[in-house]
């Protein structure tokens, strides 16, 4: 199956796809630059908001001597604040989505 030529594909999009893939110089696609940038900016704003919330939780931990240990370790994370754990999960998801957008644009 790897030695198929353009002619081995059906006319239309299958054949055009094979042709575009046959040479690096042929395979060019529209980037949707302004739209992609807008989506990235939107994702950045979401991340900034979430990171601000995380910083607020960190400040609360810093101001409470019984919770300061959470600023220095992840080992006792299960004993930690469920709000912080959920927020970190949300940040991780958003950050992964953001990074996926960057590397595909």
C-alpha atoms as a PDB file:
ATOM      1  CA  UNK A   1       0.000   0.000   0.000  1.00  0.00           C
ATOM      2  CA  UNK A   2       2.932   2.404   0.472  1.00  0.00           C
ATOM      3  CA  UNK A   3       3.931   2.497  -3.212  1.00  0.00           C
ATOM      4  CA  UNK A   4       0.624   3.815  -4.504  1.00  0.00           C
ATOM      5  CA  UNK A   5       0.734   6.630  -7.042  1.00  0.00           C
ATOM      6  CA  UNK A   6      -1.659   9.517  -7.531  1.00  0.00           C
ATOM      7  CA  UNK A   7      -3.387   7.541 -10.287  1.00  0.00           C
ATOM      8  CA  UNK A   8      -4.149   4.727  -7.823  1.00  0.00           C
ATOM      9  CA  UNK A   9      -6.510   7.030  -5.936  1.00  0.00           C
ATOM     10  CA  UNK A  10     -10.048   7.945  -6.926  1.00  0.00           C
ATOM     11  CA  UNK A  11     -10.577  11.274  -8.705  1.00  0.00           C
ATOM     12  CA  UNK A  12     -11.436  14.186  -6.465  1.00  0.00           C
ATOM     13  CA  UNK A  13     -10.259  14.762  -2.907  1.00  0.00           C
ATOM     14  CA  UNK A  14      -8.585  11.326  -2.527  1.00  0.00           C
ATOM     15  CA  UNK A  15      -6.386  11.940  -5.591  1.00  0.00           C
ATOM     16  CA  UNK A  16      -5.725  15.583  -4.692  1.00  0.00           C
ATOM     17  CA  UNK A  17      -4.731  14.496  -1.165  1.00  0.00           C
ATOM     18  CA  UNK A  18      -2.229  11.971  -2.556  1.00  0.00           C
ATOM     19  CA  UNK A  19      -0.836  14.580  -4.945  1.00  0.00           C
ATOM     20  CA  UNK A  20      -0.383  17.141  -2.156  1.00  0.00           C
ATOM     21  CA  UNK A  21       1.376  14.509  -0.064  1.00  0.00           C
ATOM     22  CA  UNK A  22       3.671  13.435  -2.916  1.00  0.00           C
ATOM     23  CA  UNK A  23       6.084  16.367  -2.497  1.00  0.00           C
ATOM     24  CA  UNK A  24       6.789  18.690   0.435  1.00  0.00           C
ATOM     25  CA  UNK A  25       6.553  21.711  -1.862  1.00  0.00           C
ATOM     26  CA  UNK A  26       2.997  20.816  -2.852  1.00  0.00           C
ATOM     27  CA  UNK A  27       1.690  20.331   0.667  1.00  0.00           C
ATOM     28  CA  UNK A  28       0.721  23.823   1.747  1.00  0.00           C
ATOM     29  CA  UNK A  29      -2.388  24.672   3.664  1.00  0.00           C
ATOM     30  CA  UNK A  30      -4.026  27.829   4.844  1.00  0.00           C
ATOM     31  CA  UNK A  31      -3.052  28.745   8.406  1.00  0.00           C
ATOM     32  CA  UNK A  32      -6.130  30.789   9.301  1.00  0.00           C
ATOM     33  CA  UNK A  33      -3.632  33.130  10.999  1.00  0.00           C
ATOM     34  CA  UNK A  34      -5.892  35.807  12.527  1.00  0.00           C
ATOM     35  CA  UNK A  35      -8.476  33.240  13.611  1.00  0.00           C
ATOM     36  CA  UNK A  36      -5.841  30.945  15.111  1.00  0.00           C
ATOM     37  CA  UNK A  37      -4.273  33.914  16.916  1.00  0.00           C
ATOM     38  CA  UNK A  38      -7.654  34.934  18.304  1.00  0.00           C
ATOM     39  CA  UNK A  39      -8.291  31.440  19.646  1.00  0.00           C
ATOM     40  CA  UNK A  40      -4.820  31.379  21.228  1.00  0.00           C
ATOM     41  CA  UNK A  41      -5.438  34.777  22.831  1.00  0.00           C
ATOM     42  CA  UNK A  42      -8.761  33.551  24.199  1.00  0.00           C
ATOM     43  CA  UNK A  43      -7.059  30.484  25.679  1.00  0.00           C
ATOM     44  CA  UNK A  44      -4.320  32.694  27.160  1.00  0.00           C
ATOM     45  CA  UNK A  45      -6.924  34.880  28.866  1.00  0.00           C
ATOM     46  CA  UNK A  46      -8.600  31.798  30.324  1.00  0.00           C
ATOM     47  CA  UNK A  47      -5.245  30.546  31.628  1.00  0.00           C
ATOM     48  CA  UNK A  48      -4.360  33.946  33.096  1.00  0.00           C
ATOM     49  CA  UNK A  49      -7.627  33.966  35.039  1.00  0.00           C
ATOM     50  CA  UNK A  50      -7.048  30.457  36.369  1.00  0.00           C
ATOM     51  CA  UNK A  51      -3.447  31.212  37.337  1.00  0.00           C
ATOM     52  CA  UNK A  52      -4.638  34.299  39.263  1.00  0.00           C
ATOM     53  CA  UNK A  53      -6.997  32.063  41.236  1.00  0.00           C
ATOM     54  CA  UNK A  54      -4.144  29.654  41.961  1.00  0.00           C
ATOM     55  CA  UNK A  55      -1.970  32.530  43.175  1.00  0.00           C
ATOM     56  CA  UNK A  56      -4.785  33.623  45.490  1.00  0.00           C
ATOM     57  CA  UNK A  57      -4.969  30.122  46.983  1.00  0.00           C
ATOM     58  CA  UNK A  58      -1.168  30.147  47.403  1.00  0.00           C
ATOM     59  CA  UNK A  59      -1.388  33.482  49.248  1.00  0.00           C
ATOM     60  CA  UNK A  60      -4.053  32.051  51.543  1.00  0.00           C
ATOM     61  CA  UNK A  61      -1.771  29.080  52.281  1.00  0.00           C
ATOM     62  CA  UNK A  62       1.161  31.409  52.942  1.00  0.00           C
ATOM     63  CA  UNK A  63      -0.890  33.390  55.459  1.00  0.00           C
ATOM     64  CA  UNK A  64      -2.031  30.307  57.394  1.00  0.00           C
ATOM     65  CA  UNK A  65       0.806  28.585  59.242  1.00  0.00           C
ATOM     66  CA  UNK A  66      -1.070  25.270  59.274  1.00  0.00           C
ATOM     67  CA  UNK A  67      -1.203  25.247  55.462  1.00  0.00           C
ATOM     68  CA  UNK A  68       2.235  26.622  54.556  1.00  0.00           C
ATOM     69  CA  UNK A  69       3.580  23.094  53.995  1.00  0.00           C
ATOM     70  CA  UNK A  70       1.440  22.942  50.827  1.00  0.00           C
ATOM     71  CA  UNK A  71       3.654  25.581  49.267  1.00  0.00           C
ATOM     72  CA  UNK A  72       6.730  23.354  49.577  1.00  0.00           C
ATOM     73  CA  UNK A  73       5.620  19.875  48.607  1.00  0.00           C
ATOM     74  CA  UNK A  74       3.253  17.884  46.488  1.00  0.00           C
ATOM     75  CA  UNK A  75       3.652  14.775  48.633  1.00  0.00           C
ATOM     76  CA  UNK A  76       0.739  15.641  50.905  1.00  0.00           C
ATOM     77  CA  UNK A  77      -1.379  16.773  48.015  1.00  0.00           C
ATOM     78  CA  UNK A  78      -4.239  14.452  49.004  1.00  0.00           C
ATOM     79  CA  UNK A  79      -4.507  16.322  52.296  1.00  0.00           C
ATOM     80  CA  UNK A  80      -4.538  19.574  50.390  1.00  0.00           C
ATOM     81  CA  UNK A  81      -7.351  21.853  49.467  1.00  0.00           C
ATOM     82  CA  UNK A  82      -9.777  20.176  47.034  1.00  0.00           C
ATOM     83  CA  UNK A  83     -10.327  23.588  45.425  1.00  0.00           C
ATOM     84  CA  UNK A  84      -6.627  23.796  44.651  1.00  0.00           C
ATOM     85  CA  UNK A  85      -6.485  20.244  43.296  1.00  0.00           C
ATOM     86  CA  UNK A  86      -9.479  20.892  41.028  1.00  0.00           C
ATOM     87  CA  UNK A  87      -8.027  24.217  39.901  1.00  0.00           C
ATOM     88  CA  UNK A  88      -4.697  22.576  39.050  1.00  0.00           C
ATOM     89  CA  UNK A  89      -6.525  19.918  37.020  1.00  0.00           C
ATOM     90  CA  UNK A  90      -8.433  22.634  35.166  1.00  0.00           C
ATOM     91  CA  UNK A  91      -5.214  24.554  34.491  1.00  0.00           C
ATOM     92  CA  UNK A  92      -3.537  21.383  33.232  1.00  0.00           C
ATOM     93  CA  UNK A  93      -6.375  20.698  30.797  1.00  0.00           C
ATOM     94  CA  UNK A  94      -6.417  24.292  29.527  1.00  0.00           C
ATOM     95  CA  UNK A  95      -2.622  24.369  29.258  1.00  0.00           C
ATOM     96  CA  UNK A  96      -2.572  21.133  27.263  1.00  0.00           C
ATOM     97  CA  UNK A  97      -5.246  22.525  24.919  1.00  0.00           C
ATOM     98  CA  UNK A  98      -3.262  25.754  24.565  1.00  0.00           C
ATOM     99  CA  UNK A  99      -0.021  23.931  23.791  1.00  0.00           C
ATOM    100  CA  UNK A 100      -1.784  21.703  21.267  1.00  0.00           C
ATOM    101  CA  UNK A 101      -3.014  24.829  19.480  1.00  0.00           C
ATOM    102  CA  UNK A 102       0.437  26.394  19.427  1.00  0.00           C
ATOM    103  CA  UNK A 103       2.089  23.352  17.914  1.00  0.00           C
ATOM    104  CA  UNK A 104      -0.564  22.869  15.231  1.00  0.00           C
ATOM    105  CA  UNK A 105      -0.773  26.516  14.109  1.00  0.00           C
END
